[in-house]
Amino acid sequence: MADEALYHNKLKQDAGIILVVLGLLYFSETYIVYNILSTLWGEVPELGMIWPIYIVFYLLLLGIETIGCVRVYNSIKEHMFDFEYYD
């Protein structure tokens, strides 16, 4: 039988790793989108018309990544005792 305290402690550590990965993804993508938009803002006059498309794309990107990370966490949590994940 698995040591439940050990498993829950390790699950918290995995949750921390997932949050760090998600934070790095958010930061890097925000930086890239900001650089692209700030570079194009003065040079492309049509950017004002397609600005909402950039925002929707960016929000979809962050949403999909968040859903993916939450699903990974839920999968680990669901199967950690079945597969003796932390032994």
PDB file of N, CA and C in Angstrom:
ATOM      1  N   MET A   1       0.846  -1.182   0.000  1.00  0.00           N
ATOM      2  CA  MET A   1       0.000   0.000   0.000  1.00  0.00           C
ATOM      3  C   MET A   1       0.889   1.243   0.000  1.00  0.00           C
ATOM      4  N   ALA A   2       0.483   2.219  -0.720  1.00  0.00           N
ATOM      5  CA  ALA A   2       1.259   3.448  -0.858  1.00  0.00           C
ATOM      6  C   ALA A   2       1.118   4.327   0.375  1.00  0.00           C
ATOM      7  N   ASP A   3       2.176   5.037   0.670  1.00  0.00           N
ATOM      8  CA  ASP A   3       2.162   5.991   1.771  1.00  0.00           C
ATOM      9  C   ASP A   3       1.437   7.255   1.291  1.00  0.00           C
ATOM     10  N   GLU A   4       0.215   7.468   1.792  1.00  0.00           N
ATOM     11  CA  GLU A   4      -0.618   8.551   1.283  1.00  0.00           C
ATOM     12  C   GLU A   4      -0.018   9.927   1.568  1.00  0.00           C
ATOM     13  N   ALA A   5       0.617  10.104   2.710  1.00  0.00           N
ATOM     14  CA  ALA A   5       1.228  11.400   3.021  1.00  0.00           C
ATOM     15  C   ALA A   5       2.344  11.721   2.032  1.00  0.00           C
ATOM     16  N   LEU A   6       3.158  10.709   1.703  1.00  0.00           N
ATOM     17  CA  LEU A   6       4.225  10.901   0.725  1.00  0.00           C
ATOM     18  C   LEU A   6       3.639  11.255  -0.637  1.00  0.00           C
ATOM     19  N   TYR A   7       2.598  10.538  -1.023  1.00  0.00           N
ATOM     20  CA  TYR A   7       1.989  10.772  -2.331  1.00  0.00           C
ATOM     21  C   TYR A   7       1.395  12.174  -2.422  1.00  0.00           C
ATOM     22  N   HIS A   8       0.730  12.624  -1.392  1.00  0.00           N
ATOM     23  CA  HIS A   8       0.126  13.957  -1.428  1.00  0.00           C
ATOM     24  C   HIS A   8       1.196  15.049  -1.400  1.00  0.00           C
ATOM     25  N   ASN A   9       2.292  14.805  -0.696  1.00  0.00           N
ATOM     26  CA  ASN A   9       3.407  15.751  -0.694  1.00  0.00           C
ATOM     27  C   ASN A   9       4.028  15.846  -2.087  1.00  0.00           C
ATOM     28  N   LYS A  10       4.237  14.720  -2.708  1.00  0.00           N
ATOM     29  CA  LYS A  10       4.813  14.698  -4.056  1.00  0.00           C
ATOM     30  C   LYS A  10       3.845  15.313  -5.068  1.00  0.00           C
ATOM     31  N   LEU A  11       2.552  15.123  -4.860  1.00  0.00           N
ATOM     32  CA  LEU A  11       1.563  15.728  -5.746  1.00  0.00           C
ATOM     33  C   LEU A  11       1.620  17.259  -5.643  1.00  0.00           C
ATOM     34  N   LYS A  12       1.830  17.776  -4.445  1.00  0.00           N
ATOM     35  CA  LYS A  12       1.982  19.228  -4.274  1.00  0.00           C
ATOM     36  C   LYS A  12       3.228  19.725  -4.998  1.00  0.00           C
ATOM     37  N   GLN A  13       4.294  18.950  -4.966  1.00  0.00           N
ATOM     38  CA  GLN A  13       5.509  19.333  -5.678  1.00  0.00           C
ATOM     39  C   GLN A  13       5.262  19.336  -7.187  1.00  0.00           C
ATOM     40  N   ASP A  14       4.549  18.342  -7.673  1.00  0.00           N
ATOM     41  CA  ASP A  14       4.209  18.311  -9.096  1.00  0.00           C
ATOM     42  C   ASP A  14       3.335  19.497  -9.481  1.00  0.00           C
ATOM     43  N   ALA A  15       2.407  19.868  -8.606  1.00  0.00           N
ATOM     44  CA  ALA A  15       1.562  21.032  -8.876  1.00  0.00           C
ATOM     45  C   ALA A  15       2.424  22.293  -8.963  1.00  0.00           C
ATOM     46  N   GLY A  16       3.425  22.403  -8.126  1.00  0.00           N
ATOM     47  CA  GLY A  16       4.335  23.541  -8.183  1.00  0.00           C
ATOM     48  C   GLY A  16       5.106  23.590  -9.487  1.00  0.00           C
ATOM     49  N   ILE A  17       5.560  22.435  -9.937  1.00  0.00           N
ATOM     50  CA  ILE A  17       6.284  22.370 -11.210  1.00  0.00           C
ATOM     51  C   ILE A  17       5.368  22.780 -12.362  1.00  0.00           C
ATOM     52  N   ILE A  18       4.143  22.308 -12.334  1.00  0.00           N
ATOM     53  CA  ILE A  18       3.182  22.662 -13.383  1.00  0.00           C
ATOM     54  C   ILE A  18       2.919  24.167 -13.370  1.00  0.00           C
ATOM     55  N   LEU A  19       2.810  24.770 -12.196  1.00  0.00           N
ATOM     56  CA  LEU A  19       2.601  26.219 -12.110  1.00  0.00           C
ATOM     57  C   LEU A  19       3.808  26.999 -12.627  1.00  0.00           C
ATOM     58  N   VAL A  20       5.005  26.511 -12.343  1.00  0.00           N
ATOM     59  CA  VAL A  20       6.209  27.169 -12.853  1.00  0.00           C
ATOM     60  C   VAL A  20       6.246  27.100 -14.376  1.00  0.00           C
ATOM     61  N   VAL A  21       5.940  25.932 -14.932  1.00  0.00           N
ATOM     62  CA  VAL A  21       5.913  25.779 -16.389  1.00  0.00           C
ATOM     63  C   VAL A  21       4.867  26.706 -17.001  1.00  0.00           C
ATOM     64  N   LEU A  22       3.694  26.754 -16.403  1.00  0.00           N
ATOM     65  CA  LEU A  22       2.635  27.620 -16.902  1.00  0.00           C
ATOM     66  C   LEU A  22       3.050  29.088 -16.813  1.00  0.00           C
ATOM     67  N   GLY A  23       3.698  29.474 -15.737  1.00  0.00           N
ATOM     68  CA  GLY A  23       4.190  30.843 -15.599  1.00  0.00           C
ATOM     69  C   GLY A  23       5.228  31.191 -16.655  1.00  0.00           C
ATOM     70  N   LEU A  24       6.139  30.255 -16.930  1.00  0.00           N
ATOM     71  CA  LEU A  24       7.141  30.491 -17.970  1.00  0.00           C
ATOM     72  C   LEU A  24       6.492  30.632 -19.350  1.00  0.00           C
ATOM     73  N   LEU A  25       5.498  29.811 -19.612  1.00  0.00           N
ATOM     74  CA  LEU A  25       4.780  29.919 -20.882  1.00  0.00           C
ATOM     75  C   LEU A  25       4.084  31.270 -20.998  1.00  0.00           C
ATOM     76  N   TYR A  26       3.383  31.673 -19.947  1.00  0.00           N
ATOM     77  CA  TYR A  26       2.697  32.968 -19.952  1.00  0.00           C
ATOM     78  C   TYR A  26       3.686  34.106 -20.184  1.00  0.00           C
ATOM     79  N   PHE A  27       4.773  34.100 -19.445  1.00  0.00           N
ATOM     80  CA  PHE A  27       5.751  35.177 -19.551  1.00  0.00           C
ATOM     81  C   PHE A  27       6.356  35.238 -20.947  1.00  0.00           C
ATOM     82  N   SER A  28       6.805  34.094 -21.460  1.00  0.00           N
ATOM     83  CA  SER A  28       7.478  34.092 -22.755  1.00  0.00           C
ATOM     84  C   SER A  28       6.529  34.500 -23.874  1.00  0.00           C
ATOM     85  N   GLU A  29       5.305  34.016 -23.834  1.00  0.00           N
ATOM     86  CA  GLU A  29       4.371  34.364 -24.900  1.00  0.00           C
ATOM     87  C   GLU A  29       3.922  35.820 -24.797  1.00  0.00           C
ATOM     88  N   THR A  30       3.776  36.319 -23.593  1.00  0.00           N
ATOM     89  CA  THR A  30       3.425  37.727 -23.424  1.00  0.00           C
ATOM     90  C   THR A  30       4.551  38.610 -23.943  1.00  0.00           C
ATOM     91  N   TYR A  31       5.763  38.229 -23.657  1.00  0.00           N
ATOM     92  CA  TYR A  31       6.925  38.986 -24.139  1.00  0.00           C
ATOM     93  C   TYR A  31       6.988  38.986 -25.670  1.00  0.00           C
ATOM     94  N   ILE A  32       6.768  37.834 -26.276  1.00  0.00           N
ATOM     95  CA  ILE A  32       6.823  37.727 -27.743  1.00  0.00           C
ATOM     96  C   ILE A  32       5.709  38.545 -28.385  1.00  0.00           C
ATOM     97  N   VAL A  33       4.488  38.399 -27.880  1.00  0.00           N
ATOM     98  CA  VAL A  33       3.363  39.157 -28.442  1.00  0.00           C
ATOM     99  C   VAL A  33       3.584  40.655 -28.257  1.00  0.00           C
ATOM    100  N   TYR A  34       4.072  41.059 -27.099  1.00  0.00           N
ATOM    101  CA  TYR A  34       4.348  42.479 -26.863  1.00  0.00           C
ATOM    102  C   TYR A  34       5.398  43.009 -27.844  1.00  0.00           C
ATOM    103  N   ASN A  35       6.469  42.259 -28.038  1.00  0.00           N
ATOM    104  CA  ASN A  35       7.516  42.708 -28.963  1.00  0.00           C
ATOM    105  C   ASN A  35       6.992  42.821 -30.391  1.00  0.00           C
ATOM    106  N   ILE A  36       6.202  41.856 -30.817  1.00  0.00           N
ATOM    107  CA  ILE A  36       5.649  41.901 -32.171  1.00  0.00           C
ATOM    108  C   ILE A  36       4.734  43.111 -32.331  1.00  0.00           C
ATOM    109  N   LEU A  37       3.822  43.278 -31.387  1.00  0.00           N
ATOM    110  CA  LEU A  37       2.863  44.369 -31.506  1.00  0.00           C
ATOM    111  C   LEU A  37       3.519  45.739 -31.350  1.00  0.00           C
ATOM    112  N   SER A  38       4.485  45.865 -30.458  1.00  0.00           N
ATOM    113  CA  SER A  38       5.137  47.165 -30.287  1.00  0.00           C
ATOM    114  C   SER A  38       6.001  47.514 -31.493  1.00  0.00           C
ATOM    115  N   THR A  39       6.551  46.520 -32.161  1.00  0.00           N
ATOM    116  CA  THR A  39       7.342  46.776 -33.365  1.00  0.00           C
ATOM    117  C   THR A  39       6.449  47.179 -34.527  1.00  0.00           C
ATOM    118  N   LEU A  40       5.322  46.506 -34.653  1.00  0.00           N
ATOM    119  CA  LEU A  40       4.437  46.768 -35.780  1.00  0.00           C
ATOM    120  C   LEU A  40       3.546  47.985 -35.589  1.00  0.00           C
ATOM    121  N   TRP A  41       3.349  48.427 -34.361  1.00  0.00           N
ATOM    122  CA  TRP A  41       2.360  49.472 -34.077  1.00  0.00           C
ATOM    123  C   TRP A  41       2.617  50.754 -34.867  1.00  0.00           C
ATOM    124  N   GLY A  42       3.844  51.203 -34.940  1.00  0.00           N
ATOM    125  CA  GLY A  42       4.147  52.435 -35.649  1.00  0.00           C
ATOM    126  C   GLY A  42       4.297  52.260 -37.146  1.00  0.00           C
ATOM    127  N   GLU A  43       4.559  51.052 -37.593  1.00  0.00           N
ATOM    128  CA  GLU A  43       4.882  50.829 -39.001  1.00  0.00           C
ATOM    129  C   GLU A  43       3.701  50.368 -39.833  1.00  0.00           C
ATOM    130  N   VAL A  44       2.726  49.722 -39.222  1.00  0.00           N
ATOM    131  CA  VAL A  44       1.603  49.164 -39.970  1.00  0.00           C
ATOM    132  C   VAL A  44       0.328  49.885 -39.547  1.00  0.00           C
ATOM    133  N   PRO A  45      -0.206  50.750 -40.382  1.00  0.00           N
ATOM    134  CA  PRO A  45      -1.399  51.500 -39.985  1.00  0.00           C
ATOM    135  C   PRO A  45      -2.649  50.624 -39.845  1.00  0.00           C
ATOM    136  N   GLU A  46      -2.674  49.483 -40.512  1.00  0.00           N
ATOM    137  CA  GLU A  46      -3.839  48.597 -40.448  1.00  0.00           C
ATOM    138  C   GLU A  46      -3.889  47.776 -39.163  1.00  0.00           C
ATOM    139  N   LEU A  47      -2.878  47.898 -38.337  1.00  0.00           N
ATOM    140  CA  LEU A  47      -2.825  47.108 -37.108  1.00  0.00           C
ATOM    141  C   LEU A  47      -4.003  47.407 -36.195  1.00  0.00           C
ATOM    142  N   GLY A  48      -4.490  48.629 -36.206  1.00  0.00           N
ATOM    143  CA  GLY A  48      -5.634  48.990 -35.374  1.00  0.00           C
ATOM    144  C   GLY A  48      -6.873  48.192 -35.721  1.00  0.00           C
ATOM    145  N   MET A  49      -6.998  47.812 -36.992  1.00  0.00           N
ATOM    146  CA  MET A  49      -8.173  47.041 -37.416  1.00  0.00           C
ATOM    147  C   MET A  49      -8.066  45.575 -37.004  1.00  0.00           C
ATOM    148  N   ILE A  50      -6.846  45.036 -36.966  1.00  0.00           N
ATOM    149  CA  ILE A  50      -6.704  43.614 -36.638  1.00  0.00           C
ATOM    150  C   ILE A  50      -6.281  43.385 -35.193  1.00  0.00           C
ATOM    151  N   TRP A  51      -6.212  44.447 -34.408  1.00  0.00           N
ATOM    152  CA  TRP A  51      -5.856  44.346 -32.986  1.00  0.00           C
ATOM    153  C   TRP A  51      -6.727  43.339 -32.244  1.00  0.00           C
ATOM    154  N   PRO A  52      -8.062  43.345 -32.417  1.00  0.00           N
ATOM    155  CA  PRO A  52      -8.898  42.367 -31.709  1.00  0.00           C
ATOM    156  C   PRO A  52      -8.570  40.917 -32.068  1.00  0.00           C
ATOM    157  N   ILE A  53      -8.125  40.676 -33.284  1.00  0.00           N
ATOM    158  CA  ILE A  53      -7.752  39.310 -33.686  1.00  0.00           C
ATOM    159  C   ILE A  53      -6.520  38.857 -32.905  1.00  0.00           C
ATOM    160  N   TYR A  54      -5.552  39.745 -32.733  1.00  0.00           N
ATOM    161  CA  TYR A  54      -4.380  39.409 -31.928  1.00  0.00           C
ATOM    162  C   TYR A  54      -4.773  39.080 -30.490  1.00  0.00           C
ATOM    163  N   ILE A  55      -5.661  39.873 -29.931  1.00  0.00           N
ATOM    164  CA  ILE A  55      -6.090  39.660 -28.550  1.00  0.00           C
ATOM    165  C   ILE A  55      -6.813  38.319 -28.410  1.00  0.00           C
ATOM    166  N   VAL A  56      -7.718  38.019 -29.333  1.00  0.00           N
ATOM    167  CA  VAL A  56      -8.451  36.746 -29.282  1.00  0.00           C
ATOM    168  C   VAL A  56      -7.486  35.575 -29.429  1.00  0.00           C
ATOM    169  N   PHE A  57      -6.554  35.670 -30.370  1.00  0.00           N
ATOM    170  CA  PHE A  57      -5.570  34.608 -30.559  1.00  0.00           C
ATOM    171  C   PHE A  57      -4.741  34.396 -29.300  1.00  0.00           C
ATOM    172  N   TYR A  58      -4.292  35.483 -28.695  1.00  0.00           N
ATOM    173  CA  TYR A  58      -3.472  35.400 -27.489  1.00  0.00           C
ATOM    174  C   TYR A  58      -4.256  34.772 -26.331  1.00  0.00           C
ATOM    175  N   LEU A  59      -5.491  35.187 -26.149  1.00  0.00           N
ATOM    176  CA  LEU A  59      -6.314  34.617 -25.079  1.00  0.00           C
ATOM    177  C   LEU A  59      -6.620  33.142 -25.320  1.00  0.00           C
ATOM    178  N   LEU A  60      -6.867  32.768 -26.559  1.00  0.00           N
ATOM    179  CA  LEU A  60      -7.072  31.354 -26.873  1.00  0.00           C
ATOM    180  C   LEU A  60      -5.819  30.541 -26.583  1.00  0.00           C
ATOM    181  N   LEU A  61      -4.678  31.086 -26.937  1.00  0.00           N
ATOM    182  CA  LEU A  61      -3.409  30.402 -26.683  1.00  0.00           C
ATOM    183  C   LEU A  61      -3.207  30.159 -25.190  1.00  0.00           C
ATOM    184  N   LEU A  62      -3.419  31.198 -24.383  1.00  0.00           N
ATOM    185  CA  LEU A  62      -3.263  31.050 -22.937  1.00  0.00           C
ATOM    186  C   LEU A  62      -4.317  30.105 -22.356  1.00  0.00           C
ATOM    187  N   GLY A  63      -5.521  30.168 -22.865  1.00  0.00           N
ATOM    188  CA  GLY A  63      -6.581  29.291 -22.378  1.00  0.00           C
ATOM    189  C   GLY A  63      -6.297  27.823 -22.669  1.00  0.00           C
ATOM    190  N   ILE A  64      -5.840  27.539 -23.872  1.00  0.00           N
ATOM    191  CA  ILE A  64      -5.526  26.150 -24.242  1.00  0.00           C
ATOM    192  C   ILE A  64      -4.386  25.615 -23.393  1.00  0.00           C
ATOM    193  N   GLU A  65      -3.361  26.435 -23.155  1.00  0.00           N
ATOM    194  CA  GLU A  65      -2.248  25.996 -22.312  1.00  0.00           C
ATOM    195  C   GLU A  65      -2.699  25.746 -20.873  1.00  0.00           C
ATOM    196  N   THR A  66      -3.551  26.609 -20.371  1.00  0.00           N
ATOM    197  CA  THR A  66      -4.050  26.433 -19.007  1.00  0.00           C
ATOM    198  C   THR A  66      -4.851  25.155 -18.890  1.00  0.00           C
ATOM    199  N   ILE A  67      -5.732  24.914 -19.848  1.00  0.00           N
ATOM    200  CA  ILE A  67      -6.536  23.683 -19.839  1.00  0.00           C
ATOM    201  C   ILE A  67      -5.623  22.466 -19.904  1.00  0.00           C
ATOM    202  N   GLY A  68      -4.592  22.519 -20.738  1.00  0.00           N
ATOM    203  CA  GLY A  68      -3.661  21.401 -20.849  1.00  0.00           C
ATOM    204  C   GLY A  68      -2.933  21.118 -19.544  1.00  0.00           C
ATOM    205  N   CYS A  69      -2.465  22.152 -18.873  1.00  0.00           N
ATOM    206  CA  CYS A  69      -1.753  21.962 -17.605  1.00  0.00           C
ATOM    207  C   CYS A  69      -2.685  21.439 -16.517  1.00  0.00           C
ATOM    208  N   VAL A  70      -3.915  21.929 -16.480  1.00  0.00           N
ATOM    209  CA  VAL A  70      -4.885  21.429 -15.496  1.00  0.00           C
ATOM    210  C   VAL A  70      -5.209  19.968 -15.765  1.00  0.00           C
ATOM    211  N   ARG A  71      -5.311  19.587 -17.019  1.00  0.00           N
ATOM    212  CA  ARG A  71      -5.594  18.181 -17.348  1.00  0.00           C
ATOM    213  C   ARG A  71      -4.424  17.270 -16.966  1.00  0.00           C
ATOM    214  N   VAL A  72      -3.202  17.755 -17.145  1.00  0.00           N
ATOM    215  CA  VAL A  72      -2.034  16.972 -16.726  1.00  0.00           C
ATOM    216  C   VAL A  72      -2.066  16.759 -15.216  1.00  0.00           C
ATOM    217  N   TYR A  73      -2.334  17.827 -14.473  1.00  0.00           N
ATOM    218  CA  TYR A  73      -2.407  17.724 -13.013  1.00  0.00           C
ATOM    219  C   TYR A  73      -3.513  16.752 -12.589  1.00  0.00           C
ATOM    220  N   ASN A  74      -4.688  16.876 -13.189  1.00  0.00           N
ATOM    221  CA  ASN A  74      -5.797  15.982 -12.837  1.00  0.00           C
ATOM    222  C   ASN A  74      -5.486  14.532 -13.184  1.00  0.00           C
ATOM    223  N   SER A  75      -4.789  14.314 -14.279  1.00  0.00           N
ATOM    224  CA  SER A  75      -4.411  12.952 -14.660  1.00  0.00           C
ATOM    225  C   SER A  75      -3.426  12.359 -13.660  1.00  0.00           C
ATOM    226  N   ILE A  76      -2.439  13.149 -13.241  1.00  0.00           N
ATOM    227  CA  ILE A  76      -1.484  12.676 -12.236  1.00  0.00           C
ATOM    228  C   ILE A  76      -2.210  12.360 -10.941  1.00  0.00           C
ATOM    229  N   LYS A  77      -3.099  13.257 -10.532  1.00  0.00           N
ATOM    230  CA  LYS A  77      -3.839  13.073  -9.283  1.00  0.00           C
ATOM    231  C   LYS A  77      -4.726  11.831  -9.335  1.00  0.00           C
ATOM    232  N   GLU A  78      -5.348  11.601 -10.476  1.00  0.00           N
ATOM    233  CA  GLU A  78      -6.259  10.470 -10.623  1.00  0.00           C
ATOM    234  C   GLU A  78      -5.528   9.133 -10.634  1.00  0.00           C
ATOM    235  N   HIS A  79      -4.361   9.097 -11.236  1.00  0.00           N
ATOM    236  CA  HIS A  79      -3.677   7.818 -11.445  1.00  0.00           C
ATOM    237  C   HIS A  79      -2.470   7.593 -10.552  1.00  0.00           C
ATOM    238  N   MET A  80      -2.200   8.481  -9.606  1.00  0.00           N
ATOM    239  CA  MET A  80      -0.972   8.342  -8.830  1.00  0.00           C
ATOM    240  C   MET A  80      -0.960   7.075  -7.973  1.00  0.00           C
ATOM    241  N   PHE A  81      -2.106   6.654  -7.476  1.00  0.00           N
ATOM    242  CA  PHE A  81      -2.133   5.421  -6.681  1.00  0.00           C
ATOM    243  C   PHE A  81      -2.204   4.189  -7.570  1.00  0.00           C
ATOM    244  N   ASP A  82      -2.856   4.300  -8.732  1.00  0.00           N
ATOM    245  CA  ASP A  82      -3.001   3.161  -9.639  1.00  0.00           C
ATOM    246  C   ASP A  82      -1.660   2.689 -10.178  1.00  0.00           C
ATOM    247  N   PHE A  83      -0.834   3.635 -10.588  1.00  0.00           N
ATOM    248  CA  PHE A  83       0.433   3.290 -11.230  1.00  0.00           C
ATOM    249  C   PHE A  83       1.612   3.339 -10.274  1.00  0.00           C
ATOM    250  N   GLU A  84       1.350   3.550  -8.979  1.00  0.00           N
ATOM    251  CA  GLU A  84       2.410   3.699  -7.982  1.00  0.00           C
ATOM    252  C   GLU A  84       3.426   4.709  -8.489  1.00  0.00           C
ATOM    253  N   TYR A  85       2.908   5.867  -8.846  1.00  0.00           N
ATOM    254  CA  TYR A  85       3.663   6.915  -9.518  1.00  0.00           C
ATOM    255  C   TYR A  85       4.860   7.391  -8.716  1.00  0.00           C
ATOM    256  N   TYR A  86       4.736   7.489  -7.420  1.00  0.00           N
ATOM    257  CA  TYR A  86       5.802   8.076  -6.601  1.00  0.00           C
ATOM    258  C   TYR A  86       6.641   7.043  -5.864  1.00  0.00           C
ATOM    259  N   ASP A  87       6.520   5.796  -6.185  1.00  0.00           N
ATOM    260  CA  ASP A  87       7.325   4.770  -5.521  1.00  0.00           C
ATOM    261  C   ASP A  87       8.687   4.628  -6.157  1.00  0.00           C
TER     262      ASP A  87
END
